Amino acid sequence: MRETKVARRYALALFKTALDSGNLDIISTDIQQIRSFTGKDKQFLNFLKAPQVTTEHKMKVLRDTFTTRLAPRLLLFLELLLRKHRTSLLPDIAVEFETLMEEHHGLIKARILTAVHLSDDMKSKLKEKLETISGKKIEIVHKIDKSIIGGIIVFLHNHVIDRSIKH
């Protein structure tokens, strides 16, 4: 819980900086690339967390690797995380940043769980209904859950609408 709060604070600071500098979309794209990269290559995150490697060496590797690939403000942000020994929070910061971007654009991701595939027509109707309820734009992320016998479970921001039958 505490880690999520800290990640949210760092994400908010990065978001405000990106918004103020007019680089919001660029930094958003870059941080999602870093999230994808750290998700695929755990060794990189382990390297950044390793106490045996000096912070100066880690910074050099960061600069050498990302200077031409990332927005300068994001590179400075990564250096800050290194100095504060918060690099382990990088994946969580990226998730929180994405949530802030969605809020900024008035978008909410609704996770939908059903026992069977939903038709495009059903998804469209569900999307319209959820937009009416929330007053925001909805993006539906549908997954099939075989443990559900029938019905639907909707995760909408901080709300759960459970109209399912489970075994």
Foldseek 3Di string as FASTA:
>chain_A
DVLLVVLLVLLVVLCVVCVVVVNNVQQLVVLVVVLVVCVVDVVLLCVLLDPVDDLVVNLVVLCVPPVVPGDPSVNVSVSVCSVVSNSVSSNSNSVSNVVVVCVVQQEWEKEKEFQDDDDPVVVVVVQVVVCVVVVGHYDYDYDYDNQWPGDMWIDTPPDIDDPTHGD
